[in-house]
Structures are given as structure tokens and as C-alpha cells.
Amino acid sequence: MKQSILLLTTLSLLTINSFSIDLHKCQGCHGDNFEKPAMNLSRIVKDLKTEEIRTALQEYKHGSHGGSMQEVMQEQISKFTDSEIDEIVKIIQDKNSSTSVYQETIEQISLVEVSTDSCISCHGEYFEKSAMGYSRIVNEMSKEDIIASMNGYKNGTYGREMKALMSAQALQFSEEEIEALAKIVGKN
């Protein structure tokens, strides 16, 4: 099972008049101005016509659009009502016009995909288990502790009984992936 872990360093909130919709997750994949092909798979949203965007969002909502990203997009869009979808379309269109009517607060958002396939067999799908009865329960650890232990495993300065096994596992993760994993799994 491959889990995608999104690392959101900050949130963005787009407001149009008195109606607000949080589109930070959308922008994490599609770009601040919807200028990117999400995961290098989608069309560039800012280049689509209003009706094309509306139709795609409605089809995602009903599970009839999306190819390999259908499930991810359906989960994102299904929470919106039809009127909210219309507002999203307006926000996207306004965002890319020179006469924008919204106020925005946007800071850096990054997307990091982390495969936890090699973790879940020992630590559990939600990192709720003590691996082989030796490890701490990862989802009860702080973000800082997770980062420190993973980096310690990588450089050989951390671990006891499972040090050799975990060292090989930790070396597969980049710094960004470790940080994303820690932010999502770690205790706040």
C-alpha cells in the first residue's frame, strides 16, 4: 500500500466577497495560480474554460472522471456542494484574470509523497504498533523525536536491537520525506 503524505508548511485561504473556501490542498498539487499539471498527470487548470473546470469538478465529485487520480480527487471534491464548486470555479477564473475580486493569503506549500510500504508491516498502517515489540509507538512520538530517530538510524547513531534493520529502511527516505512523515504521523 502506498500512502501519500502531504506536507503543508502553511495554509492558504482564498476569499471571494463574504464566501470563503479553503483551496490550499488544491494549490499544493495544481500550483498557487493553478498553473501546474497536478502530479504531472492533469491538465493545467488555469488554461481550461470555465465550463470545463465545472464539468471536471462535478465529474470528480460523482466519481466519473480522473483516471489514476480519480479516487484522490473524488475525496477532495466530494465535500463541496454544487454552489461551492461554482465558487471554486469563480475563484480559479478570477485568480487568473487581471481584475481579481478576492483577497488571498498564500505562503509556501509543498507536496511530498512518501511510500510507507516498508513501514506498515512492522509499525502498522497508522504507526500504532510497537515494531516487533522493540520500538516506541511512532504515532505517540513527537515530530522532533521521529526526525531525530530517523536521522540517527540513517547515520548509525540511534537504535538498539533493530538498528541494522531500521538503518537500511531509513536510508531510503530523503530529509523532506522524513519531515513529511514526522509532521503527519507525529504527535502534535
Protein backbone atom coordinates (compact mmCIF):
# COMPACT_ATOMS: atom_id res chain seq x y z
CA MET A 1 0.00 0.00 0.00
CA LYS A 2 1.41 3.37 -0.95
CA GLN A 3 0.35 6.28 1.20
CA SER A 4 0.70 9.85 0.08
CA ILE A 5 1.66 12.20 2.81
CA LEU A 6 1.15 15.86 2.10
CA LEU A 7 3.46 18.26 3.84
CA LEU A 8 1.74 21.60 4.16
CA THR A 9 4.11 24.15 5.56
CA THR A 10 1.39 26.78 5.77
CA LEU A 11 -2.19 27.22 4.73
CA SER A 12 -3.72 29.49 2.17
CA LEU A 13 -7.20 30.86 2.33
CA LEU A 14 -8.93 32.34 -0.67
CA THR A 15 -11.83 34.62 -0.01
CA ILE A 16 -14.32 35.92 -2.53
CA ASN A 17 -16.60 38.57 -1.05
CA SER A 18 -18.01 37.05 2.15
CA PHE A 19 -17.78 33.44 0.94
CA SER A 20 -14.55 31.59 1.68
CA ILE A 21 -13.30 28.24 0.51
CA ASP A 22 -10.00 26.79 1.62
CA LEU A 23 -8.15 25.69 -1.53
CA HIS A 24 -4.70 25.04 -0.03
CA LYS A 25 -4.86 21.33 -0.88
CA CYS A 26 -5.76 22.17 -4.48
CA GLN A 27 -2.87 24.59 -4.77
CA GLY A 28 -0.47 22.07 -3.24
CA CYS A 29 -0.74 20.00 -6.42
CA HIS A 30 -2.03 22.47 -9.02
CA GLY A 31 0.12 25.48 -8.04
CA ASP A 32 -0.79 28.79 -6.44
CA ASN A 33 -2.31 30.02 -9.70
CA PHE A 34 -3.44 26.59 -10.93
CA GLU A 35 -0.58 26.75 -13.43
CA LYS A 36 0.84 23.23 -12.93
CA PRO A 37 -0.27 19.81 -14.11
CA ALA A 38 -1.00 18.08 -10.78
CA MET A 39 1.41 15.20 -10.20
CA ASN A 40 2.40 15.74 -13.87
CA LEU A 41 -0.84 13.98 -14.79
CA SER A 42 -3.60 16.55 -15.03
CA ARG A 43 -4.41 19.28 -17.47
CA ILE A 44 -3.36 22.78 -16.43
CA VAL A 45 -6.48 24.13 -14.75
CA LYS A 46 -5.82 27.83 -15.45
CA ASP A 47 -5.86 27.05 -19.19
CA LEU A 48 -9.29 25.41 -19.06
CA LYS A 49 -12.53 27.16 -19.89
CA THR A 50 -14.96 27.84 -17.06
CA GLU A 51 -17.35 25.10 -18.13
CA GLU A 52 -14.51 22.57 -18.50
CA ILE A 53 -13.43 23.21 -14.89
CA ARG A 54 -17.01 22.99 -13.59
CA THR A 55 -17.68 19.76 -15.52
CA ALA A 56 -14.43 18.14 -14.35
CA LEU A 57 -15.12 19.04 -10.71
CA GLN A 58 -18.69 17.74 -10.90
CA GLU A 59 -17.48 14.51 -12.53
CA TYR A 60 -14.77 14.09 -9.87
CA LYS A 61 -17.43 14.59 -7.20
CA HIS A 62 -19.55 11.81 -8.70
CA GLY A 63 -16.58 9.50 -9.38
CA SER A 64 -16.80 9.56 -13.17
CA HIS A 65 -13.62 11.47 -14.01
CA GLY A 66 -9.96 11.32 -13.19
CA GLY A 67 -8.05 8.27 -14.36
CA SER A 68 -5.34 7.36 -11.85
CA MET A 69 -6.16 10.37 -9.66
CA GLN A 70 -9.91 9.73 -9.58
CA GLU A 71 -10.01 8.44 -6.00
CA VAL A 72 -7.82 11.24 -4.65
CA MET A 73 -9.80 13.94 -6.43
CA GLN A 74 -13.17 12.46 -5.51
CA GLU A 75 -12.15 12.55 -1.84
CA GLN A 76 -11.12 16.21 -2.20
CA ILE A 77 -14.19 17.39 -4.14
CA SER A 78 -16.96 15.28 -2.58
CA LYS A 79 -17.13 17.55 0.47
CA PHE A 80 -18.17 20.56 -1.63
CA THR A 81 -21.75 21.44 -2.54
CA ASP A 82 -22.66 22.39 -6.10
CA SER A 83 -22.73 26.08 -5.15
CA GLU A 84 -19.29 25.77 -3.53
CA ILE A 85 -17.99 24.13 -6.71
CA ASP A 86 -19.33 27.15 -8.64
CA GLU A 87 -17.45 29.41 -6.21
CA ILE A 88 -14.26 27.37 -6.69
CA VAL A 89 -14.58 27.83 -10.46
CA LYS A 90 -15.06 31.60 -9.96
CA ILE A 91 -12.02 31.78 -7.68
CA ILE A 92 -9.85 29.94 -10.20
CA GLN A 93 -11.07 32.12 -13.06
CA ASP A 94 -10.70 35.33 -11.03
CA LYS A 95 -7.27 34.27 -9.82
CA ASN A 96 -6.09 34.16 -13.41
CA SER A 97 -7.73 37.37 -14.58
CA SER A 98 -6.26 40.83 -14.20
CA THR A 99 -9.32 42.08 -12.28
CA SER A 100 -9.29 39.74 -9.33
CA VAL A 101 -12.04 40.24 -6.72
CA TYR A 102 -10.59 38.05 -3.99
CA GLN A 103 -8.08 38.66 -1.26
CA GLU A 104 -5.50 35.99 -0.71
CA THR A 105 -3.00 34.94 1.86
CA ILE A 106 -0.64 32.39 0.42
CA GLU A 107 2.60 31.12 1.81
CA GLN A 108 4.78 28.22 0.74
CA ILE A 109 3.05 24.90 0.21
CA SER A 110 4.92 21.81 -0.82
CA LEU A 111 3.85 18.31 -1.70
CA VAL A 112 5.93 15.35 -0.64
CA GLU A 113 4.83 11.83 -1.46
CA VAL A 114 6.15 9.18 0.90
CA SER A 115 5.85 5.45 0.38
CA THR A 116 5.31 3.74 3.71
CA ASP A 117 5.08 0.24 2.25
CA SER A 118 8.18 -0.92 4.10
CA CYS A 119 6.99 0.61 7.41
CA ILE A 120 3.45 -0.65 7.86
CA SER A 121 4.21 -4.36 8.13
CA CYS A 122 6.03 -3.72 11.43
CA HIS A 123 4.66 -0.39 12.65
CA GLY A 124 1.05 -0.76 11.49
CA GLU A 125 -0.86 1.20 8.89
CA TYR A 126 -1.26 4.14 11.28
CA PHE A 127 2.08 3.63 13.01
CA GLU A 128 0.14 2.42 16.05
CA LYS A 129 2.24 -0.68 16.83
CA SER A 130 5.50 -1.31 18.62
CA ALA A 131 7.57 -2.89 15.83
CA MET A 132 8.35 -6.49 16.80
CA GLY A 133 7.82 -5.50 20.43
CA TYR A 134 11.01 -3.40 20.48
CA SER A 135 10.22 0.06 19.17
CA ARG A 136 8.39 3.00 20.54
CA ILE A 137 4.94 3.55 19.05
CA VAL A 138 5.69 6.06 16.32
CA ASN A 139 2.33 7.86 16.33
CA GLU A 140 2.90 8.65 20.03
CA MET A 141 6.29 10.27 19.33
CA SER A 142 6.76 13.99 18.72
CA LYS A 143 7.67 15.22 15.27
CA GLU A 144 11.11 16.16 16.54
CA ASP A 145 11.69 12.68 18.02
CA ILE A 146 10.69 10.99 14.76
CA ILE A 147 13.03 13.19 12.74
CA ALA A 148 15.89 12.68 15.22
CA SER A 149 15.44 8.90 15.35
CA MET A 150 15.17 8.53 11.56
CA ASN A 151 18.27 10.66 11.05
CA GLY A 152 20.01 8.71 13.80
CA TYR A 153 19.17 5.45 12.06
CA LYS A 154 20.49 6.91 8.80
CA ASN A 155 23.84 7.91 10.28
CA GLY A 156 24.15 4.91 12.65
CA THR A 157 23.92 6.85 15.92
CA TYR A 158 20.49 5.63 17.02
CA GLY A 159 18.85 2.32 17.76
CA ARG A 160 19.29 -0.88 19.68
CA GLU A 161 18.00 -4.32 18.64
CA MET A 162 16.52 -3.06 15.36
CA LYS A 163 19.36 -0.66 14.46
CA ALA A 164 20.65 -2.59 11.44
CA LEU A 165 17.18 -3.22 10.01
CA MET A 166 16.00 0.35 10.58
CA SER A 167 19.21 1.87 9.26
CA ALA A 168 18.60 0.23 5.88
CA GLN A 169 14.97 1.41 5.92
CA ALA A 170 15.77 4.99 6.96
CA LEU A 171 18.38 5.39 4.24
CA GLN A 172 15.55 5.10 1.68
CA PHE A 173 13.96 8.35 2.93
CA SER A 174 15.07 11.86 1.96
CA GLU A 175 15.11 14.68 4.51
CA GLU A 176 11.87 16.04 3.01
CA GLU A 177 10.19 12.64 3.25
CA ILE A 178 11.26 12.22 6.88
CA GLU A 179 9.94 15.68 7.72
CA ALA A 180 6.62 14.98 5.95
CA LEU A 181 6.25 11.64 7.70
CA ALA A 182 7.01 13.22 11.08
CA LYS A 183 4.54 16.07 10.57
CA ILE A 184 1.71 13.74 9.60
CA VAL A 185 2.37 10.78 11.92
CA GLY A 186 3.96 12.55 14.89
CA LYS A 187 2.14 13.71 17.96
CA ASN A 188 1.39 17.42 17.95
